[in-house]
């Protein structure tokens, strides 16, 4: 029995060493594709909605790194051609240490205005959980995004 336990412990320690010491690289893009975008239409002035979105991002701990024209990253379709203003806001990556790796998170905010005094706010979220073996991607964070939309709506009135 002692021989079995000793062999088992050697194999377990070898397996853990391989799992924890391996190396993977993580590429966290600035632009998040619309795999699972959250969208909400708000009634209000475009400038006010953009300021409310930026303020909400800051209140929730997201640091804005840049603001860009979305047409650089996405083709505009016929529906977007009638929109007057649009902006894509990028945030800094947030890293969280886990027991077996690191989780990286990033958020993009896409604000589009329409002719009927409405603005569409689109939030895109991604987490990449990096382990020594594989990277796991997740594009959902329903509770956080719901709270952010409520705050943006409250600030933009």
Foldseek 3Di string as FASTA:
>chain_A
DVVVVVVVVVVVVVVVCLFQVAADDDDDDQDDDVPPKDKDKAAFDQVQLVVLLVVLCVVVPWAWDDKDDCCVPDPDDPVQVQWDDKIKIWTDWDWDDDPFFIKIKIKIWIWIHHPVRMIMIMIWMWIWTDGSVDIDIDTDDPVVVVVSVVSSNVRRD
